[in-house]
């Protein structure tokens, strides 16, 4: 009986050791800095700075905020890493010079082929009322007249011959304006050293004037103000700004 128990113990030990060896193949994790360089026609995005659109209108921005959400990274082997509770708010101010970074933690090391993220808040969370963190109404991105969030909040003034004209307000936020962007990473390798993925966002494209634009946001010829706050026109604007994003030159 004792011999039987001893033999069973040896077999159990060998089986457990073998399982541990088989399981000891997990890929180590790393951290990645996902950076966004916001610009307007090649110039760093700054408030109260005069820019020209592709439609040859002059304007300044007094507000430009947007949500980045549901960040994913796809590996060369087809597996996908998804960031949990992935909601981030970018706000243009006088200090950040258009720069915005998100720290992605515990990303498995390896080769990656795609970066995916969305502009806005997914329908489930967009209809869940006021929330915390980046989704806290104190951030000024929660609609005051209906349920849900503004996805992109852009405001400013048009100019003509250097003179201030009417104000413009373009707010998107309906579920149909939730846009998902996928960028090719060209098999970037993320390892234990410093990792960065850089994204460029050219706000000039939001106003249209490029091949394939969904709408063109022209300045009123009479100097009047213009306001779009949700609705069908804002969906077209969102189709424009999904073309804003491209992979930056410093991804490594």
C-alpha atoms as a PDB file:
ATOM      1  CA  UNK A   1       0.000   0.000   0.000  1.00  0.00           C
ATOM      2  CA  UNK A   2       2.837   2.348   0.918  1.00  0.00           C
ATOM      3  CA  UNK A   3       4.597   1.557  -2.368  1.00  0.00           C
ATOM      4  CA  UNK A   4       1.385   2.403  -4.235  1.00  0.00           C
ATOM      5  CA  UNK A   5       1.046   5.745  -2.440  1.00  0.00           C
ATOM      6  CA  UNK A   6       4.718   6.586  -3.086  1.00  0.00           C
ATOM      7  CA  UNK A   7       4.385   5.740  -6.771  1.00  0.00           C
ATOM      8  CA  UNK A   8       1.247   7.882  -7.011  1.00  0.00           C
ATOM      9  CA  UNK A   9       3.055  10.777  -5.348  1.00  0.00           C
ATOM     10  CA  UNK A  10       5.947  10.526  -7.818  1.00  0.00           C
ATOM     11  CA  UNK A  11       3.586  10.455 -10.805  1.00  0.00           C
ATOM     12  CA  UNK A  12       1.656  13.442  -9.439  1.00  0.00           C
ATOM     13  CA  UNK A  13       4.876  15.409  -8.920  1.00  0.00           C
ATOM     14  CA  UNK A  14       6.117  14.671 -12.431  1.00  0.00           C
ATOM     15  CA  UNK A  15       2.741  15.637 -13.949  1.00  0.00           C
ATOM     16  CA  UNK A  16       2.603  18.906 -11.983  1.00  0.00           C
ATOM     17  CA  UNK A  17       6.170  19.797 -12.962  1.00  0.00           C
ATOM     18  CA  UNK A  18       5.416  19.099 -16.613  1.00  0.00           C
ATOM     19  CA  UNK A  19       2.319  21.296 -16.517  1.00  0.00           C
ATOM     20  CA  UNK A  20       4.259  24.131 -14.916  1.00  0.00           C
ATOM     21  CA  UNK A  21       6.918  23.882 -17.610  1.00  0.00           C
ATOM     22  CA  UNK A  22       4.270  23.938 -20.348  1.00  0.00           C
ATOM     23  CA  UNK A  23       2.565  26.966 -18.795  1.00  0.00           C
ATOM     24  CA  UNK A  24       5.823  28.883 -18.421  1.00  0.00           C
ATOM     25  CA  UNK A  25       5.567  30.229 -21.963  1.00  0.00           C
ATOM     26  CA  UNK A  26       3.703  33.464 -21.304  1.00  0.00           C
ATOM     27  CA  UNK A  27       4.896  36.526 -23.213  1.00  0.00           C
ATOM     28  CA  UNK A  28       6.300  39.279 -20.962  1.00  0.00           C
ATOM     29  CA  UNK A  29       4.438  42.572 -20.919  1.00  0.00           C
ATOM     30  CA  UNK A  30       5.636  46.094 -21.569  1.00  0.00           C
ATOM     31  CA  UNK A  31       4.312  49.658 -21.475  1.00  0.00           C
ATOM     32  CA  UNK A  32       3.661  51.773 -24.556  1.00  0.00           C
ATOM     33  CA  UNK A  33       3.265  55.528 -24.900  1.00  0.00           C
ATOM     34  CA  UNK A  34       0.573  56.325 -27.457  1.00  0.00           C
ATOM     35  CA  UNK A  35       1.085  59.954 -28.453  1.00  0.00           C
ATOM     36  CA  UNK A  36      -1.122  62.229 -30.546  1.00  0.00           C
ATOM     37  CA  UNK A  37       0.352  65.270 -32.289  1.00  0.00           C
ATOM     38  CA  UNK A  38      -2.557  67.540 -33.173  1.00  0.00           C
ATOM     39  CA  UNK A  39      -1.889  70.068 -35.902  1.00  0.00           C
ATOM     40  CA  UNK A  40      -3.611  72.275 -38.442  1.00  0.00           C
ATOM     41  CA  UNK A  41      -2.128  71.987 -41.916  1.00  0.00           C
ATOM     42  CA  UNK A  42       1.314  71.121 -40.568  1.00  0.00           C
ATOM     43  CA  UNK A  43       1.349  73.691 -37.760  1.00  0.00           C
ATOM     44  CA  UNK A  44       0.997  72.699 -34.081  1.00  0.00           C
ATOM     45  CA  UNK A  45      -2.590  73.111 -32.925  1.00  0.00           C
ATOM     46  CA  UNK A  46      -2.974  76.168 -30.711  1.00  0.00           C
ATOM     47  CA  UNK A  47      -5.940  78.200 -29.576  1.00  0.00           C
ATOM     48  CA  UNK A  48      -6.540  81.718 -30.901  1.00  0.00           C
ATOM     49  CA  UNK A  49      -4.087  81.214 -33.770  1.00  0.00           C
ATOM     50  CA  UNK A  50      -5.096  82.116 -37.316  1.00  0.00           C
ATOM     51  CA  UNK A  51      -5.229  79.127 -39.689  1.00  0.00           C
ATOM     52  CA  UNK A  52      -6.363  78.611 -43.281  1.00  0.00           C
ATOM     53  CA  UNK A  53      -8.606  75.710 -44.276  1.00  0.00           C
ATOM     54  CA  UNK A  54      -8.284  73.743 -47.513  1.00  0.00           C
ATOM     55  CA  UNK A  55     -11.301  75.788 -48.663  1.00  0.00           C
ATOM     56  CA  UNK A  56      -9.258  78.999 -48.226  1.00  0.00           C
ATOM     57  CA  UNK A  57     -11.236  80.207 -45.225  1.00  0.00           C
ATOM     58  CA  UNK A  58      -9.417  81.799 -42.300  1.00  0.00           C
ATOM     59  CA  UNK A  59     -10.340  80.875 -38.748  1.00  0.00           C
ATOM     60  CA  UNK A  60      -9.214  80.563 -35.156  1.00  0.00           C
ATOM     61  CA  UNK A  61     -10.105  77.911 -32.611  1.00  0.00           C
ATOM     62  CA  UNK A  62     -11.201  78.801 -29.094  1.00  0.00           C
ATOM     63  CA  UNK A  63     -12.065  75.191 -28.156  1.00  0.00           C
ATOM     64  CA  UNK A  64     -11.024  71.853 -29.605  1.00  0.00           C
ATOM     65  CA  UNK A  65     -11.653  68.763 -27.486  1.00  0.00           C
ATOM     66  CA  UNK A  66     -12.262  65.137 -28.401  1.00  0.00           C
ATOM     67  CA  UNK A  67     -12.544  61.664 -26.907  1.00  0.00           C
ATOM     68  CA  UNK A  68     -10.252  58.758 -27.792  1.00  0.00           C
ATOM     69  CA  UNK A  69     -11.699  55.414 -26.714  1.00  0.00           C
ATOM     70  CA  UNK A  70     -11.505  51.621 -27.007  1.00  0.00           C
ATOM     71  CA  UNK A  71      -7.825  51.367 -27.946  1.00  0.00           C
ATOM     72  CA  UNK A  72      -6.679  48.047 -29.418  1.00  0.00           C
ATOM     73  CA  UNK A  73      -3.401  46.654 -30.742  1.00  0.00           C
ATOM     74  CA  UNK A  74      -3.321  43.709 -33.154  1.00  0.00           C
ATOM     75  CA  UNK A  75      -0.300  41.395 -33.218  1.00  0.00           C
ATOM     76  CA  UNK A  76       1.226  39.759 -36.266  1.00  0.00           C
ATOM     77  CA  UNK A  77      -0.164  36.411 -35.063  1.00  0.00           C
ATOM     78  CA  UNK A  78      -3.712  37.795 -35.163  1.00  0.00           C
ATOM     79  CA  UNK A  79      -4.266  38.164 -31.417  1.00  0.00           C
ATOM     80  CA  UNK A  80      -5.564  41.493 -30.102  1.00  0.00           C
ATOM     81  CA  UNK A  81      -4.771  43.430 -26.937  1.00  0.00           C
ATOM     82  CA  UNK A  82      -7.555  45.715 -25.687  1.00  0.00           C
ATOM     83  CA  UNK A  83      -7.183  48.449 -23.098  1.00  0.00           C
ATOM     84  CA  UNK A  84      -9.687  48.191 -20.264  1.00  0.00           C
ATOM     85  CA  UNK A  85     -11.832  51.214 -19.345  1.00  0.00           C
ATOM     86  CA  UNK A  86     -10.432  52.936 -22.413  1.00  0.00           C
ATOM     87  CA  UNK A  87     -11.796  56.496 -22.370  1.00  0.00           C
ATOM     88  CA  UNK A  88      -9.474  59.489 -22.740  1.00  0.00           C
ATOM     89  CA  UNK A  89     -10.190  63.186 -23.242  1.00  0.00           C
ATOM     90  CA  UNK A  90      -7.907  65.530 -25.173  1.00  0.00           C
ATOM     91  CA  UNK A  91      -8.332  69.262 -24.609  1.00  0.00           C
ATOM     92  CA  UNK A  92      -6.363  71.839 -26.562  1.00  0.00           C
ATOM     93  CA  UNK A  93      -4.858  74.455 -24.267  1.00  0.00           C
ATOM     94  CA  UNK A  94      -2.038  76.991 -24.286  1.00  0.00           C
ATOM     95  CA  UNK A  95       0.406  74.603 -22.580  1.00  0.00           C
ATOM     96  CA  UNK A  96       0.187  71.307 -24.465  1.00  0.00           C
ATOM     97  CA  UNK A  97       1.028  72.674 -27.959  1.00  0.00           C
ATOM     98  CA  UNK A  98      -1.307  70.103 -29.487  1.00  0.00           C
ATOM     99  CA  UNK A  99       0.392  67.147 -27.769  1.00  0.00           C
ATOM    100  CA  UNK A 100      -1.540  64.379 -26.005  1.00  0.00           C
ATOM    101  CA  UNK A 101      -0.253  61.062 -24.643  1.00  0.00           C
ATOM    102  CA  UNK A 102      -1.885  57.900 -23.318  1.00  0.00           C
ATOM    103  CA  UNK A 103       0.063  55.304 -21.330  1.00  0.00           C
ATOM    104  CA  UNK A 104      -0.815  51.758 -22.389  1.00  0.00           C
ATOM    105  CA  UNK A 105       0.162  49.340 -19.616  1.00  0.00           C
ATOM    106  CA  UNK A 106       0.757  45.582 -19.651  1.00  0.00           C
ATOM    107  CA  UNK A 107       0.910  45.174 -23.420  1.00  0.00           C
ATOM    108  CA  UNK A 108       2.390  41.789 -24.457  1.00  0.00           C
ATOM    109  CA  UNK A 109       5.734  42.189 -26.187  1.00  0.00           C
ATOM    110  CA  UNK A 110       6.002  41.281 -29.853  1.00  0.00           C
ATOM    111  CA  UNK A 111       5.315  42.494 -33.384  1.00  0.00           C
ATOM    112  CA  UNK A 112       2.157  44.514 -33.997  1.00  0.00           C
ATOM    113  CA  UNK A 113       0.447  45.247 -37.293  1.00  0.00           C
ATOM    114  CA  UNK A 114      -2.506  47.509 -36.426  1.00  0.00           C
ATOM    115  CA  UNK A 115      -3.615  50.204 -34.021  1.00  0.00           C
ATOM    116  CA  UNK A 116      -7.357  50.714 -33.632  1.00  0.00           C
ATOM    117  CA  UNK A 117      -9.128  53.421 -31.638  1.00  0.00           C
ATOM    118  CA  UNK A 118     -12.400  55.299 -31.785  1.00  0.00           C
ATOM    119  CA  UNK A 119     -13.279  58.975 -31.677  1.00  0.00           C
ATOM    120  CA  UNK A 120     -16.211  59.386 -29.323  1.00  0.00           C
ATOM    121  CA  UNK A 121     -17.982  57.184 -26.808  1.00  0.00           C
ATOM    122  CA  UNK A 122     -19.443  53.795 -27.738  1.00  0.00           C
ATOM    123  CA  UNK A 123     -23.273  53.552 -27.726  1.00  0.00           C
ATOM    124  CA  UNK A 124     -23.456  51.560 -24.471  1.00  0.00           C
ATOM    125  CA  UNK A 125     -21.511  54.078 -22.407  1.00  0.00           C
ATOM    126  CA  UNK A 126     -22.909  57.037 -24.335  1.00  0.00           C
ATOM    127  CA  UNK A 127     -26.395  56.138 -23.109  1.00  0.00           C
ATOM    128  CA  UNK A 128     -25.403  55.335 -19.506  1.00  0.00           C
ATOM    129  CA  UNK A 129     -25.799  58.848 -18.110  1.00  0.00           C
ATOM    130  CA  UNK A 130     -23.200  60.911 -16.266  1.00  0.00           C
ATOM    131  CA  UNK A 131     -20.089  58.925 -15.267  1.00  0.00           C
ATOM    132  CA  UNK A 132     -16.663  59.447 -13.680  1.00  0.00           C
ATOM    133  CA  UNK A 133     -13.091  60.091 -14.785  1.00  0.00           C
ATOM    134  CA  UNK A 134     -12.768  61.296 -18.370  1.00  0.00           C
ATOM    135  CA  UNK A 135     -16.559  60.927 -18.656  1.00  0.00           C
ATOM    136  CA  UNK A 136     -17.317  63.214 -15.713  1.00  0.00           C
ATOM    137  CA  UNK A 137     -19.684  66.046 -16.785  1.00  0.00           C
ATOM    138  CA  UNK A 138     -17.336  68.502 -15.083  1.00  0.00           C
ATOM    139  CA  UNK A 139     -15.125  68.167 -18.184  1.00  0.00           C
ATOM    140  CA  UNK A 140     -17.721  70.051 -20.222  1.00  0.00           C
ATOM    141  CA  UNK A 141     -18.340  67.269 -22.747  1.00  0.00           C
ATOM    142  CA  UNK A 142     -21.744  66.067 -21.533  1.00  0.00           C
ATOM    143  CA  UNK A 143     -24.780  67.353 -23.418  1.00  0.00           C
ATOM    144  CA  UNK A 144     -26.921  69.614 -21.231  1.00  0.00           C
ATOM    145  CA  UNK A 145     -30.042  69.248 -23.365  1.00  0.00           C
ATOM    146  CA  UNK A 146     -30.037  65.504 -24.116  1.00  0.00           C
ATOM    147  CA  UNK A 147     -28.482  62.238 -22.914  1.00  0.00           C
ATOM    148  CA  UNK A 148     -24.933  61.448 -23.925  1.00  0.00           C
ATOM    149  CA  UNK A 149     -21.601  63.049 -24.684  1.00  0.00           C
ATOM    150  CA  UNK A 150     -20.083  65.348 -27.222  1.00  0.00           C
ATOM    151  CA  UNK A 151     -17.471  63.348 -29.129  1.00  0.00           C
ATOM    152  CA  UNK A 152     -15.723  66.342 -30.672  1.00  0.00           C
ATOM    153  CA  UNK A 153     -16.298  69.846 -29.339  1.00  0.00           C
ATOM    154  CA  UNK A 154     -14.877  72.457 -31.705  1.00  0.00           C
ATOM    155  CA  UNK A 155     -15.550  76.191 -31.580  1.00  0.00           C
ATOM    156  CA  UNK A 156     -13.980  79.366 -32.897  1.00  0.00           C
ATOM    157  CA  UNK A 157     -14.346  82.348 -35.213  1.00  0.00           C
ATOM    158  CA  UNK A 158     -14.081  82.847 -38.947  1.00  0.00           C
ATOM    159  CA  UNK A 159     -11.967  85.725 -40.253  1.00  0.00           C
ATOM    160  CA  UNK A 160     -11.979  87.698 -43.475  1.00  0.00           C
ATOM    161  CA  UNK A 161      -9.096  89.966 -44.467  1.00  0.00           C
ATOM    162  CA  UNK A 162      -7.792  89.701 -40.918  1.00  0.00           C
ATOM    163  CA  UNK A 163     -11.094  90.852 -39.390  1.00  0.00           C
ATOM    164  CA  UNK A 164     -13.100  88.667 -37.026  1.00  0.00           C
ATOM    165  CA  UNK A 165     -16.414  87.521 -38.474  1.00  0.00           C
ATOM    166  CA  UNK A 166     -19.094  85.239 -37.048  1.00  0.00           C
ATOM    167  CA  UNK A 167     -18.527  82.444 -34.551  1.00  0.00           C
ATOM    168  CA  UNK A 168     -18.627  78.784 -35.552  1.00  0.00           C
ATOM    169  CA  UNK A 169     -19.679  75.851 -33.362  1.00  0.00           C
ATOM    170  CA  UNK A 170     -19.344  72.237 -34.544  1.00  0.00           C
ATOM    171  CA  UNK A 171     -20.306  69.615 -31.950  1.00  0.00           C
ATOM    172  CA  UNK A 172     -20.672  65.909 -32.760  1.00  0.00           C
ATOM    173  CA  UNK A 173     -22.041  63.312 -30.372  1.00  0.00           C
ATOM    174  CA  UNK A 174     -24.781  61.072 -31.755  1.00  0.00           C
ATOM    175  CA  UNK A 175     -24.095  57.328 -31.969  1.00  0.00           C
ATOM    176  CA  UNK A 176     -23.877  57.611 -35.756  1.00  0.00           C
ATOM    177  CA  UNK A 177     -20.912  59.974 -35.268  1.00  0.00           C
ATOM    178  CA  UNK A 178     -18.907  57.337 -33.377  1.00  0.00           C
ATOM    179  CA  UNK A 179     -15.983  56.702 -35.711  1.00  0.00           C
ATOM    180  CA  UNK A 180     -13.421  53.884 -35.490  1.00  0.00           C
ATOM    181  CA  UNK A 181      -9.975  54.364 -37.029  1.00  0.00           C
ATOM    182  CA  UNK A 182      -7.485  51.593 -37.852  1.00  0.00           C
ATOM    183  CA  UNK A 183      -3.884  52.469 -38.718  1.00  0.00           C
ATOM    184  CA  UNK A 184      -1.251  50.075 -40.060  1.00  0.00           C
ATOM    185  CA  UNK A 185       1.796  49.771 -37.785  1.00  0.00           C
ATOM    186  CA  UNK A 186       4.029  48.045 -40.350  1.00  0.00           C
ATOM    187  CA  UNK A 187       5.052  45.274 -37.931  1.00  0.00           C
ATOM    188  CA  UNK A 188       6.351  47.580 -35.213  1.00  0.00           C
ATOM    189  CA  UNK A 189       8.140  45.654 -32.446  1.00  0.00           C
ATOM    190  CA  UNK A 190       7.208  46.401 -28.838  1.00  0.00           C
ATOM    191  CA  UNK A 191       9.834  45.121 -26.408  1.00  0.00           C
ATOM    192  CA  UNK A 192      11.109  45.705 -22.887  1.00  0.00           C
ATOM    193  CA  UNK A 193      12.740  49.033 -23.776  1.00  0.00           C
ATOM    194  CA  UNK A 194      11.055  52.379 -24.415  1.00  0.00           C
ATOM    195  CA  UNK A 195       8.081  51.966 -26.755  1.00  0.00           C
ATOM    196  CA  UNK A 196       6.201  54.726 -28.538  1.00  0.00           C
ATOM    197  CA  UNK A 197       3.445  54.769 -31.125  1.00  0.00           C
ATOM    198  CA  UNK A 198       2.924  58.219 -32.615  1.00  0.00           C
ATOM    199  CA  UNK A 199      -0.275  59.383 -34.288  1.00  0.00           C
ATOM    200  CA  UNK A 200      -0.724  62.621 -36.225  1.00  0.00           C
ATOM    201  CA  UNK A 201      -4.102  64.374 -36.252  1.00  0.00           C
ATOM    202  CA  UNK A 202      -4.561  67.113 -38.877  1.00  0.00           C
ATOM    203  CA  UNK A 203      -7.591  69.136 -37.766  1.00  0.00           C
ATOM    204  CA  UNK A 204      -7.591  70.996 -41.099  1.00  0.00           C
ATOM    205  CA  UNK A 205      -9.294  67.972 -42.663  1.00  0.00           C
ATOM    206  CA  UNK A 206     -12.336  68.303 -40.427  1.00  0.00           C
ATOM    207  CA  UNK A 207     -13.427  71.277 -42.539  1.00  0.00           C
ATOM    208  CA  UNK A 208     -13.232  69.340 -45.821  1.00  0.00           C
ATOM    209  CA  UNK A 209     -11.721  70.412 -49.092  1.00  0.00           C
ATOM    210  CA  UNK A 210      -9.875  67.151 -49.772  1.00  0.00           C
ATOM    211  CA  UNK A 211     -10.725  64.383 -52.239  1.00  0.00           C
ATOM    212  CA  UNK A 212     -13.504  62.222 -50.852  1.00  0.00           C
ATOM    213  CA  UNK A 213     -14.614  64.614 -48.119  1.00  0.00           C
ATOM    214  CA  UNK A 214     -18.113  64.029 -46.745  1.00  0.00           C
ATOM    215  CA  UNK A 215     -18.962  67.693 -46.267  1.00  0.00           C
ATOM    216  CA  UNK A 216     -17.369  71.125 -46.672  1.00  0.00           C
ATOM    217  CA  UNK A 217     -17.574  73.581 -43.792  1.00  0.00           C
ATOM    218  CA  UNK A 218     -17.429  76.915 -45.604  1.00  0.00           C
ATOM    219  CA  UNK A 219     -17.467  80.236 -43.811  1.00  0.00           C
ATOM    220  CA  UNK A 220     -20.726  82.188 -44.335  1.00  0.00           C
ATOM    221  CA  UNK A 221     -20.176  84.910 -46.929  1.00  0.00           C
ATOM    222  CA  UNK A 222     -22.182  87.441 -44.924  1.00  0.00           C
ATOM    223  CA  UNK A 223     -20.065  87.108 -41.779  1.00  0.00           C
ATOM    224  CA  UNK A 224     -22.832  85.460 -39.776  1.00  0.00           C
ATOM    225  CA  UNK A 225     -22.382  82.711 -37.199  1.00  0.00           C
ATOM    226  CA  UNK A 226     -22.933  78.998 -37.786  1.00  0.00           C
ATOM    227  CA  UNK A 227     -23.836  76.308 -35.268  1.00  0.00           C
ATOM    228  CA  UNK A 228     -24.114  72.523 -35.698  1.00  0.00           C
ATOM    229  CA  UNK A 229     -24.858  70.590 -32.507  1.00  0.00           C
ATOM    230  CA  UNK A 230     -25.512  66.954 -33.341  1.00  0.00           C
ATOM    231  CA  UNK A 231     -27.845  65.730 -36.062  1.00  0.00           C
ATOM    232  CA  UNK A 232     -27.276  64.563 -39.626  1.00  0.00           C
ATOM    233  CA  UNK A 233     -24.778  67.299 -40.512  1.00  0.00           C
ATOM    234  CA  UNK A 234     -22.585  66.396 -37.550  1.00  0.00           C
ATOM    235  CA  UNK A 235     -22.409  62.798 -38.817  1.00  0.00           C
ATOM    236  CA  UNK A 236     -20.913  64.124 -42.063  1.00  0.00           C
ATOM    237  CA  UNK A 237     -18.416  66.158 -40.048  1.00  0.00           C
ATOM    238  CA  UNK A 238     -17.414  62.990 -38.192  1.00  0.00           C
ATOM    239  CA  UNK A 239     -16.774  61.267 -41.522  1.00  0.00           C
ATOM    240  CA  UNK A 240     -14.382  64.097 -42.329  1.00  0.00           C
ATOM    241  CA  UNK A 241     -12.459  63.931 -39.069  1.00  0.00           C
ATOM    242  CA  UNK A 242     -11.943  60.190 -39.317  1.00  0.00           C
ATOM    243  CA  UNK A 243      -9.568  61.168 -42.158  1.00  0.00           C
ATOM    244  CA  UNK A 244      -7.556  63.379 -39.794  1.00  0.00           C
ATOM    245  CA  UNK A 245      -5.487  60.559 -38.333  1.00  0.00           C
ATOM    246  CA  UNK A 246      -2.322  58.960 -39.678  1.00  0.00           C
ATOM    247  CA  UNK A 247       0.688  57.190 -38.223  1.00  0.00           C
ATOM    248  CA  UNK A 248       3.374  59.587 -37.026  1.00  0.00           C
ATOM    249  CA  UNK A 249       7.032  59.332 -37.965  1.00  0.00           C
ATOM    250  CA  UNK A 250       8.411  58.505 -34.505  1.00  0.00           C
ATOM    251  CA  UNK A 251       6.649  55.182 -33.894  1.00  0.00           C
ATOM    252  CA  UNK A 252       9.115  52.531 -32.709  1.00  0.00           C
END
